[in-house]
């Protein structure tokens, strides 16, 4: 029995298995929310085109809302993309390796990815804190507070970091 298959089977029970299942469910929920946000962004663009070119009126909130919604969708969907293996990867060298060298290389690459995600998560939480406590607004005609737009990005980065940990524990990256 290979170590990977024993890790996969072991991840089905106990605390580690519970963590992996929890993260998989959270990633799926975030992906569904990302889909809704993407659809809302598209509808916002359609409404903006209708208002501007059919009714001949100016738009106020649509461009900004679309930018915020699609950016939030991108980061909220990222944990599910990692979970499902949909991320872009160059696998020429890992595919050429076998056994322990392949597992070591995969683990090192995963740890580098996790380190990047943790740095991004820290930066996002710091930026969210600054925007909230500073009362930052966007400075546009619509001028909404900035922190609600940063919150989904922060949650997405946090979930991506936690999903990376789940994938490392699963041993299937």
N, C-alpha and C. Protein backbone atom coordinates (compact mmCIF):
# COMPACT_ATOMS: atom_id res chain seq x y z
N UNK A 1 0.85 -1.18 0.00
CA UNK A 1 0.00 0.00 0.00
C UNK A 1 0.90 1.23 0.00
N UNK A 2 0.60 2.18 -0.88
CA UNK A 2 1.43 3.37 -0.97
C UNK A 2 1.08 4.33 0.17
N UNK A 3 2.04 5.22 0.43
CA UNK A 3 1.83 6.18 1.50
C UNK A 3 0.69 7.14 1.15
N UNK A 4 0.56 7.52 -0.14
CA UNK A 4 -0.49 8.44 -0.55
C UNK A 4 -1.87 7.83 -0.33
N UNK A 5 -2.04 6.56 -0.69
CA UNK A 5 -3.35 5.95 -0.50
C UNK A 5 -3.68 5.78 0.98
N UNK A 6 -2.66 5.51 1.81
CA UNK A 6 -2.93 5.40 3.23
C UNK A 6 -3.25 6.77 3.83
N UNK A 7 -2.60 7.84 3.31
CA UNK A 7 -2.94 9.19 3.76
C UNK A 7 -4.36 9.55 3.35
N UNK A 8 -4.74 9.22 2.11
CA UNK A 8 -6.08 9.54 1.64
C UNK A 8 -7.12 8.79 2.45
N UNK A 9 -6.86 7.52 2.75
CA UNK A 9 -7.81 6.74 3.53
C UNK A 9 -7.85 7.24 4.97
N UNK A 10 -6.69 7.60 5.52
CA UNK A 10 -6.64 8.08 6.90
C UNK A 10 -7.33 9.44 7.03
N UNK A 11 -7.33 10.23 5.95
CA UNK A 11 -7.95 11.55 6.04
C UNK A 11 -9.47 11.46 6.12
N UNK A 12 -10.03 10.28 5.93
CA UNK A 12 -11.47 10.12 5.99
C UNK A 12 -12.01 10.09 7.41
N UNK A 13 -11.16 9.90 8.40
CA UNK A 13 -11.65 9.82 9.78
C UNK A 13 -10.78 10.66 10.71
N UNK A 14 -11.28 10.85 11.88
CA UNK A 14 -10.53 11.59 12.89
C UNK A 14 -10.56 13.09 12.67
N UNK A 15 -9.72 13.76 13.43
CA UNK A 15 -9.66 15.22 13.40
C UNK A 15 -9.21 15.74 12.04
N UNK A 16 -8.19 15.11 11.47
CA UNK A 16 -7.69 15.55 10.16
C UNK A 16 -8.77 15.37 9.11
N UNK A 17 -9.43 14.23 9.13
CA UNK A 17 -10.50 13.98 8.17
C UNK A 17 -11.64 14.97 8.33
N UNK A 18 -11.97 15.29 9.58
CA UNK A 18 -13.02 16.27 9.83
C UNK A 18 -12.64 17.65 9.31
N UNK A 19 -11.39 18.02 9.51
CA UNK A 19 -10.91 19.31 9.01
C UNK A 19 -10.99 19.36 7.48
N UNK A 20 -10.55 18.29 6.83
CA UNK A 20 -10.57 18.25 5.37
C UNK A 20 -12.00 18.33 4.85
N UNK A 21 -12.90 17.57 5.46
CA UNK A 21 -14.31 17.61 5.03
C UNK A 21 -14.91 18.99 5.26
N UNK A 22 -14.60 19.60 6.38
CA UNK A 22 -15.11 20.94 6.70
C UNK A 22 -14.61 21.95 5.66
N UNK A 23 -13.32 21.90 5.35
CA UNK A 23 -12.76 22.83 4.37
C UNK A 23 -13.33 22.58 2.98
N UNK A 24 -13.54 21.33 2.63
CA UNK A 24 -14.13 21.02 1.33
C UNK A 24 -15.54 21.61 1.24
N UNK A 25 -16.31 21.50 2.31
CA UNK A 25 -17.67 22.05 2.33
C UNK A 25 -17.64 23.58 2.28
N UNK A 26 -16.74 24.20 3.04
CA UNK A 26 -16.63 25.66 3.01
C UNK A 26 -16.18 26.15 1.64
N UNK A 27 -15.27 25.42 1.01
CA UNK A 27 -14.81 25.81 -0.32
C UNK A 27 -15.93 25.71 -1.34
N UNK A 28 -16.76 24.68 -1.23
CA UNK A 28 -17.90 24.54 -2.13
C UNK A 28 -18.90 25.67 -1.90
N UNK A 29 -19.18 25.99 -0.64
CA UNK A 29 -20.11 27.09 -0.33
C UNK A 29 -19.57 28.42 -0.86
N UNK A 30 -18.28 28.65 -0.70
CA UNK A 30 -17.68 29.89 -1.21
C UNK A 30 -17.73 29.93 -2.73
N UNK A 31 -17.57 28.78 -3.38
CA UNK A 31 -17.65 28.73 -4.84
C UNK A 31 -19.07 29.05 -5.32
N UNK A 32 -20.06 28.56 -4.60
CA UNK A 32 -21.44 28.87 -4.96
C UNK A 32 -21.71 30.37 -4.81
N UNK A 33 -21.21 30.96 -3.73
CA UNK A 33 -21.34 32.40 -3.53
C UNK A 33 -20.60 33.15 -4.63
N UNK A 34 -19.43 32.65 -5.02
CA UNK A 34 -18.67 33.27 -6.11
C UNK A 34 -19.47 33.25 -7.40
N UNK A 35 -20.16 32.16 -7.66
CA UNK A 35 -21.00 32.08 -8.85
C UNK A 35 -22.11 33.10 -8.83
N UNK A 36 -22.73 33.30 -7.67
CA UNK A 36 -23.78 34.30 -7.54
C UNK A 36 -23.21 35.69 -7.76
N UNK A 37 -22.05 35.97 -7.17
CA UNK A 37 -21.42 37.28 -7.35
C UNK A 37 -21.03 37.53 -8.80
N UNK A 38 -20.54 36.52 -9.48
CA UNK A 38 -20.19 36.66 -10.89
C UNK A 38 -21.45 36.97 -11.71
N UNK A 39 -22.54 36.26 -11.43
CA UNK A 39 -23.80 36.51 -12.14
C UNK A 39 -24.30 37.94 -11.86
N UNK A 40 -24.18 38.39 -10.61
CA UNK A 40 -24.59 39.75 -10.28
C UNK A 40 -23.72 40.78 -11.00
N UNK A 41 -22.44 40.49 -11.12
CA UNK A 41 -21.55 41.39 -11.86
C UNK A 41 -21.94 41.48 -13.32
N UNK A 42 -22.27 40.35 -13.92
CA UNK A 42 -22.70 40.34 -15.32
C UNK A 42 -24.02 41.10 -15.47
N UNK A 43 -24.97 40.85 -14.58
CA UNK A 43 -26.25 41.57 -14.63
C UNK A 43 -26.06 43.07 -14.45
N UNK A 44 -25.11 43.44 -13.63
CA UNK A 44 -24.81 44.85 -13.43
C UNK A 44 -24.31 45.49 -14.72
N UNK A 45 -23.47 44.78 -15.45
CA UNK A 45 -22.97 45.30 -16.73
C UNK A 45 -24.12 45.44 -17.72
N UNK A 46 -24.98 44.43 -17.78
CA UNK A 46 -26.13 44.48 -18.69
C UNK A 46 -27.02 45.68 -18.34
N UNK A 47 -27.29 45.86 -17.05
CA UNK A 47 -28.11 46.98 -16.61
C UNK A 47 -27.44 48.30 -16.94
N UNK A 48 -26.12 48.37 -16.78
CA UNK A 48 -25.37 49.59 -17.08
C UNK A 48 -25.48 49.93 -18.57
N UNK A 49 -25.34 48.92 -19.42
CA UNK A 49 -25.45 49.15 -20.87
C UNK A 49 -26.86 49.63 -21.21
N UNK A 50 -27.86 49.01 -20.60
CA UNK A 50 -29.25 49.40 -20.86
C UNK A 50 -29.49 50.85 -20.44
N UNK A 51 -29.08 51.19 -19.23
CA UNK A 51 -29.31 52.55 -18.72
C UNK A 51 -28.55 53.58 -19.55
N UNK A 52 -27.33 53.27 -19.90
CA UNK A 52 -26.49 54.25 -20.59
C UNK A 52 -26.88 54.41 -22.06
N UNK A 53 -27.06 53.29 -22.77
CA UNK A 53 -27.23 53.37 -24.21
C UNK A 53 -28.68 53.30 -24.68
N UNK A 54 -29.56 52.72 -23.91
CA UNK A 54 -30.97 52.66 -24.30
C UNK A 54 -31.73 53.84 -23.70
N UNK A 55 -31.54 54.07 -22.39
CA UNK A 55 -32.24 55.17 -21.73
C UNK A 55 -31.49 56.50 -21.84
N UNK A 56 -30.21 56.44 -22.19
CA UNK A 56 -29.43 57.66 -22.34
C UNK A 56 -29.10 58.37 -21.04
N UNK A 57 -29.12 57.65 -19.95
CA UNK A 57 -28.82 58.24 -18.65
C UNK A 57 -27.42 57.82 -18.19
N UNK A 58 -26.91 58.54 -17.22
CA UNK A 58 -25.59 58.20 -16.70
C UNK A 58 -25.71 57.10 -15.63
N UNK A 59 -24.62 56.41 -15.45
CA UNK A 59 -24.57 55.35 -14.44
C UNK A 59 -23.73 55.84 -13.27
N UNK A 60 -24.03 55.30 -12.10
CA UNK A 60 -23.34 55.76 -10.90
C UNK A 60 -22.59 54.61 -10.23
N UNK A 61 -23.28 53.53 -9.96
CA UNK A 61 -22.74 52.47 -9.10
C UNK A 61 -22.29 51.22 -9.86
N UNK A 62 -22.70 51.05 -11.11
CA UNK A 62 -22.55 49.79 -11.80
C UNK A 62 -21.09 49.37 -12.02
N UNK A 63 -20.26 50.27 -12.48
CA UNK A 63 -18.87 49.91 -12.76
C UNK A 63 -18.15 49.47 -11.49
N UNK A 64 -18.33 50.23 -10.44
CA UNK A 64 -17.69 49.90 -9.17
C UNK A 64 -18.22 48.59 -8.59
N UNK A 65 -19.54 48.42 -8.61
CA UNK A 65 -20.12 47.18 -8.11
C UNK A 65 -19.62 45.97 -8.89
N UNK A 66 -19.56 46.10 -10.21
CA UNK A 66 -19.08 45.00 -11.05
C UNK A 66 -17.64 44.64 -10.71
N UNK A 67 -16.81 45.64 -10.54
CA UNK A 67 -15.41 45.39 -10.19
C UNK A 67 -15.32 44.68 -8.84
N UNK A 68 -16.06 45.14 -7.86
CA UNK A 68 -16.03 44.52 -6.54
C UNK A 68 -16.58 43.10 -6.58
N UNK A 69 -17.69 42.89 -7.28
CA UNK A 69 -18.33 41.58 -7.32
C UNK A 69 -17.46 40.54 -8.02
N UNK A 70 -16.85 40.92 -9.13
CA UNK A 70 -16.04 39.95 -9.88
C UNK A 70 -14.73 39.68 -9.15
N UNK A 71 -14.15 40.69 -8.53
CA UNK A 71 -12.94 40.46 -7.73
C UNK A 71 -13.23 39.53 -6.56
N UNK A 72 -14.35 39.77 -5.88
CA UNK A 72 -14.75 38.90 -4.77
C UNK A 72 -14.99 37.48 -5.27
N UNK A 73 -15.64 37.36 -6.42
CA UNK A 73 -15.92 36.03 -6.98
C UNK A 73 -14.62 35.28 -7.27
N UNK A 74 -13.63 35.99 -7.78
CA UNK A 74 -12.35 35.35 -8.11
C UNK A 74 -11.70 34.74 -6.87
N UNK A 75 -11.61 35.52 -5.79
CA UNK A 75 -10.94 34.99 -4.61
C UNK A 75 -11.81 34.04 -3.80
N UNK A 76 -13.12 34.23 -3.82
CA UNK A 76 -13.98 33.28 -3.11
C UNK A 76 -14.04 31.93 -3.84
N UNK A 77 -13.84 31.94 -5.14
CA UNK A 77 -13.83 30.69 -5.90
C UNK A 77 -12.50 29.96 -5.88
N UNK A 78 -11.43 30.65 -5.51
CA UNK A 78 -10.09 30.06 -5.54
C UNK A 78 -9.93 28.81 -4.67
N UNK A 79 -10.48 28.75 -3.45
CA UNK A 79 -10.32 27.53 -2.65
C UNK A 79 -10.93 26.29 -3.33
N UNK A 80 -12.07 26.47 -3.98
CA UNK A 80 -12.69 25.34 -4.68
C UNK A 80 -11.86 24.91 -5.88
N UNK A 81 -11.28 25.88 -6.57
CA UNK A 81 -10.41 25.56 -7.71
C UNK A 81 -9.21 24.75 -7.23
N UNK A 82 -8.62 25.14 -6.11
CA UNK A 82 -7.51 24.37 -5.54
C UNK A 82 -7.97 22.97 -5.15
N UNK A 83 -9.11 22.87 -4.48
CA UNK A 83 -9.65 21.58 -4.04
C UNK A 83 -9.91 20.64 -5.21
N UNK A 84 -10.46 21.19 -6.28
CA UNK A 84 -10.84 20.35 -7.42
C UNK A 84 -9.71 20.13 -8.41
N UNK A 85 -8.54 20.73 -8.16
CA UNK A 85 -7.40 20.54 -9.06
C UNK A 85 -7.52 21.32 -10.35
N UNK A 86 -8.33 22.37 -10.35
CA UNK A 86 -8.55 23.16 -11.55
C UNK A 86 -7.52 24.24 -11.77
N UNK A 87 -6.57 24.40 -10.87
CA UNK A 87 -5.56 25.44 -11.02
C UNK A 87 -4.58 25.07 -12.13
N UNK A 88 -3.95 26.07 -12.68
CA UNK A 88 -2.98 25.86 -13.75
C UNK A 88 -1.66 25.42 -13.11
N UNK A 89 -1.09 24.37 -13.66
CA UNK A 89 0.17 23.87 -13.13
C UNK A 89 1.02 23.31 -14.26
N UNK A 90 2.30 23.52 -14.17
CA UNK A 90 3.24 22.91 -15.10
C UNK A 90 3.77 21.68 -14.39
N UNK A 91 3.47 20.51 -14.93
CA UNK A 91 3.78 19.26 -14.23
C UNK A 91 4.79 18.38 -14.96
N UNK A 92 5.59 18.96 -15.83
CA UNK A 92 6.55 18.16 -16.59
C UNK A 92 7.53 17.46 -15.65
N UNK A 93 8.16 18.21 -14.76
CA UNK A 93 9.13 17.61 -13.84
C UNK A 93 8.47 16.68 -12.82
N UNK A 94 7.40 17.12 -12.13
CA UNK A 94 6.77 16.19 -11.17
C UNK A 94 6.28 14.90 -11.83
N UNK A 95 5.77 14.99 -13.07
CA UNK A 95 5.30 13.79 -13.76
C UNK A 95 6.45 12.86 -14.12
N UNK A 96 7.65 13.40 -14.28
CA UNK A 96 8.81 12.58 -14.62
C UNK A 96 9.39 11.88 -13.40
N UNK A 97 9.08 12.40 -12.21
CA UNK A 97 9.61 11.81 -10.98
C UNK A 97 8.70 10.72 -10.46
N UNK A 98 9.23 9.90 -9.59
CA UNK A 98 8.48 8.81 -8.96
C UNK A 98 8.78 8.80 -7.46
N UNK A 99 7.90 8.24 -6.69
CA UNK A 99 8.15 7.95 -5.28
C UNK A 99 8.46 9.14 -4.42
N UNK A 100 9.48 8.97 -3.55
CA UNK A 100 9.83 9.98 -2.56
C UNK A 100 10.24 11.32 -3.18
N UNK A 101 11.07 11.35 -4.23
CA UNK A 101 11.42 12.66 -4.81
C UNK A 101 10.19 13.44 -5.29
N UNK A 102 9.23 12.74 -5.87
CA UNK A 102 8.00 13.40 -6.33
C UNK A 102 7.21 13.94 -5.15
N UNK A 103 7.09 13.16 -4.08
CA UNK A 103 6.34 13.62 -2.90
C UNK A 103 7.03 14.81 -2.24
N UNK A 104 8.35 14.80 -2.18
CA UNK A 104 9.10 15.91 -1.58
C UNK A 104 8.91 17.17 -2.42
N UNK A 105 9.02 17.03 -3.74
CA UNK A 105 8.85 18.19 -4.61
C UNK A 105 7.43 18.76 -4.50
N UNK A 106 6.45 17.89 -4.46
CA UNK A 106 5.06 18.33 -4.34
C UNK A 106 4.83 19.03 -3.00
N UNK A 107 5.39 18.49 -1.94
CA UNK A 107 5.23 19.10 -0.62
C UNK A 107 5.92 20.47 -0.58
N UNK A 108 7.13 20.57 -1.12
CA UNK A 108 7.83 21.86 -1.12
C UNK A 108 7.06 22.91 -1.93
N UNK A 109 6.55 22.52 -3.08
CA UNK A 109 5.76 23.45 -3.89
C UNK A 109 4.49 23.88 -3.14
N UNK A 110 3.88 22.94 -2.44
CA UNK A 110 2.68 23.25 -1.68
C UNK A 110 2.99 24.20 -0.52
N UNK A 111 4.12 24.01 0.12
CA UNK A 111 4.50 24.90 1.22
C UNK A 111 4.80 26.31 0.72
N UNK A 112 5.41 26.42 -0.46
CA UNK A 112 5.65 27.75 -1.04
C UNK A 112 4.31 28.41 -1.38
N UNK A 113 3.40 27.65 -1.97
CA UNK A 113 2.07 28.19 -2.26
C UNK A 113 1.34 28.62 -1.00
N UNK A 114 1.43 27.80 0.04
CA UNK A 114 0.80 28.15 1.32
C UNK A 114 1.42 29.42 1.90
N UNK A 115 2.74 29.54 1.84
CA UNK A 115 3.40 30.74 2.37
C UNK A 115 2.90 31.99 1.65
N UNK A 116 2.78 31.92 0.34
CA UNK A 116 2.25 33.06 -0.42
C UNK A 116 0.82 33.38 0.02
N UNK A 117 0.00 32.36 0.15
CA UNK A 117 -1.40 32.56 0.54
C UNK A 117 -1.51 33.14 1.95
N UNK A 118 -0.64 32.70 2.85
CA UNK A 118 -0.66 33.26 4.20
C UNK A 118 -0.25 34.73 4.20
N UNK A 119 0.74 35.09 3.38
CA UNK A 119 1.15 36.49 3.27
C UNK A 119 0.01 37.33 2.69
N UNK A 120 -0.66 36.79 1.67
CA UNK A 120 -1.80 37.48 1.08
C UNK A 120 -2.92 37.65 2.11
N UNK A 121 -3.18 36.61 2.87
CA UNK A 121 -4.22 36.66 3.90
C UNK A 121 -3.91 37.73 4.94
N UNK A 122 -2.67 37.77 5.40
CA UNK A 122 -2.27 38.78 6.37
C UNK A 122 -2.48 40.18 5.79
N UNK A 123 -2.03 40.40 4.57
CA UNK A 123 -2.18 41.70 3.93
C UNK A 123 -3.64 42.10 3.77
N UNK A 124 -4.46 41.14 3.41
CA UNK A 124 -5.90 41.41 3.25
C UNK A 124 -6.55 41.80 4.58
N UNK A 125 -6.24 41.05 5.64
CA UNK A 125 -6.83 41.37 6.95
C UNK A 125 -6.36 42.73 7.44
N UNK A 126 -5.09 43.05 7.20
CA UNK A 126 -4.57 44.35 7.61
C UNK A 126 -5.26 45.47 6.83
N UNK A 127 -5.42 45.27 5.53
CA UNK A 127 -6.07 46.26 4.68
C UNK A 127 -7.54 46.44 5.09
N UNK A 128 -8.21 45.34 5.40
CA UNK A 128 -9.60 45.40 5.86
C UNK A 128 -9.70 46.20 7.16
N UNK A 129 -8.80 45.92 8.09
CA UNK A 129 -8.79 46.65 9.36
C UNK A 129 -8.58 48.14 9.13
N UNK A 130 -7.61 48.48 8.29
CA UNK A 130 -7.33 49.89 8.00
C UNK A 130 -8.53 50.58 7.36
N UNK A 131 -9.16 49.90 6.41
CA UNK A 131 -10.32 50.49 5.72
C UNK A 131 -11.48 50.69 6.68
N UNK A 132 -11.70 49.71 7.56
CA UNK A 132 -12.82 49.80 8.50
C UNK A 132 -12.59 50.87 9.56
N UNK A 133 -11.43 50.82 10.22
CA UNK A 133 -11.17 51.78 11.30
C UNK A 133 -10.92 53.18 10.76
N UNK A 134 -10.42 53.28 9.53
CA UNK A 134 -10.17 54.59 8.95
C UNK A 134 -11.39 55.20 8.28
N UNK A 135 -12.48 54.43 8.19
CA UNK A 135 -13.68 54.94 7.55
C UNK A 135 -13.47 55.24 6.07
N UNK A 136 -12.63 54.44 5.41
CA UNK A 136 -12.31 54.70 4.02
C UNK A 136 -13.52 54.50 3.12
N UNK A 137 -13.66 55.40 2.15
CA UNK A 137 -14.66 55.28 1.10
C UNK A 137 -13.92 55.17 -0.23
N UNK A 138 -14.67 54.89 -1.27
CA UNK A 138 -14.02 54.70 -2.57
C UNK A 138 -13.64 56.01 -3.24
N UNK A 139 -14.27 57.11 -2.85
CA UNK A 139 -13.93 58.41 -3.44
C UNK A 139 -14.54 58.63 -4.81
N UNK A 140 -15.54 57.83 -5.17
CA UNK A 140 -16.20 57.98 -6.46
C UNK A 140 -17.54 58.68 -6.28
N UNK A 141 -18.29 58.79 -7.37
CA UNK A 141 -19.62 59.40 -7.28
C UNK A 141 -20.51 58.60 -6.35
N UNK A 142 -20.47 57.29 -6.47
CA UNK A 142 -21.27 56.41 -5.60
C UNK A 142 -20.76 56.50 -4.16
N UNK A 143 -19.45 56.43 -3.98
CA UNK A 143 -18.73 56.61 -2.71
C UNK A 143 -19.16 55.70 -1.56
N UNK A 144 -19.27 54.38 -1.80
CA UNK A 144 -19.60 53.50 -0.68
C UNK A 144 -18.39 53.29 0.21
N UNK A 145 -18.60 52.81 1.44
CA UNK A 145 -17.46 52.46 2.28
C UNK A 145 -16.67 51.33 1.61
N UNK A 146 -15.38 51.33 1.82
CA UNK A 146 -14.52 50.37 1.12
C UNK A 146 -14.47 49.00 1.79
N UNK A 147 -14.66 48.93 3.11
CA UNK A 147 -14.46 47.65 3.79
C UNK A 147 -15.40 46.54 3.32
N UNK A 148 -16.68 46.79 2.95
CA UNK A 148 -17.49 45.68 2.47
C UNK A 148 -16.96 45.07 1.16
N UNK A 149 -16.28 45.86 0.36
CA UNK A 149 -15.70 45.33 -0.87
C UNK A 149 -14.44 44.52 -0.58
N UNK A 150 -13.74 44.84 0.49
CA UNK A 150 -12.51 44.13 0.84
C UNK A 150 -12.81 42.84 1.61
N UNK A 151 -13.93 42.80 2.32
CA UNK A 151 -14.27 41.64 3.15
C UNK A 151 -14.30 40.32 2.38
N UNK A 152 -14.99 40.21 1.24
CA UNK A 152 -14.99 38.91 0.54
C UNK A 152 -13.61 38.51 0.02
N UNK A 153 -12.80 39.48 -0.33
CA UNK A 153 -11.44 39.19 -0.77
C UNK A 153 -10.64 38.61 0.40
N UNK A 154 -10.82 39.20 1.57
CA UNK A 154 -10.15 38.74 2.78
C UNK A 154 -10.60 37.33 3.16
N UNK A 155 -11.90 37.10 3.12
CA UNK A 155 -12.44 35.77 3.42
C UNK A 155 -11.94 34.74 2.40
N UNK A 156 -11.93 35.13 1.13
CA UNK A 156 -11.44 34.23 0.09
C UNK A 156 -9.97 33.86 0.27
N UNK A 157 -9.14 34.84 0.59
CA UNK A 157 -7.72 34.56 0.82
C UNK A 157 -7.54 33.66 2.04
N UNK A 158 -8.34 33.91 3.08
CA UNK A 158 -8.26 33.07 4.29
C UNK A 158 -8.67 31.64 3.98
N UNK A 159 -9.77 31.46 3.26
CA UNK A 159 -10.22 30.12 2.89
C UNK A 159 -9.22 29.42 1.98
N UNK A 160 -8.58 30.18 1.10
CA UNK A 160 -7.57 29.59 0.22
C UNK A 160 -6.40 29.05 1.04
N UNK A 161 -5.96 29.80 2.04
CA UNK A 161 -4.88 29.33 2.92
C UNK A 161 -5.29 28.06 3.66
N UNK A 162 -6.52 28.08 4.20
CA UNK A 162 -6.99 26.91 4.94
C UNK A 162 -7.20 25.70 4.03
N UNK A 163 -7.63 25.94 2.78
CA UNK A 163 -7.79 24.83 1.84
C UNK A 163 -6.43 24.28 1.44
N UNK A 164 -5.42 25.13 1.34
CA UNK A 164 -4.06 24.66 1.06
C UNK A 164 -3.60 23.70 2.15
N UNK A 165 -3.89 24.05 3.39
CA UNK A 165 -3.53 23.16 4.51
C UNK A 165 -4.27 21.84 4.38
N UNK A 166 -5.54 21.90 4.03
CA UNK A 166 -6.32 20.67 3.85
C UNK A 166 -5.75 19.80 2.73
N UNK A 167 -5.32 20.43 1.64
CA UNK A 167 -4.75 19.66 0.52
C UNK A 167 -3.41 19.05 0.91
N UNK A 168 -2.62 19.78 1.69
CA UNK A 168 -1.35 19.21 2.17
C UNK A 168 -1.61 18.01 3.07
N UNK A 169 -2.59 18.16 3.97
CA UNK A 169 -2.94 17.05 4.85
C UNK A 169 -3.52 15.86 4.07
N UNK A 170 -4.27 16.17 3.03
CA UNK A 170 -4.85 15.12 2.19
C UNK A 170 -3.74 14.37 1.44
N UNK A 171 -2.65 15.08 1.15
CA UNK A 171 -1.52 14.46 0.47
C UNK A 171 -1.74 14.23 -1.00
N UNK A 172 -2.63 15.02 -1.64
CA UNK A 172 -2.93 14.80 -3.05
C UNK A 172 -2.58 15.98 -3.92
N UNK A 173 -1.85 16.96 -3.43
CA UNK A 173 -1.48 18.08 -4.29
C UNK A 173 -0.49 17.66 -5.33
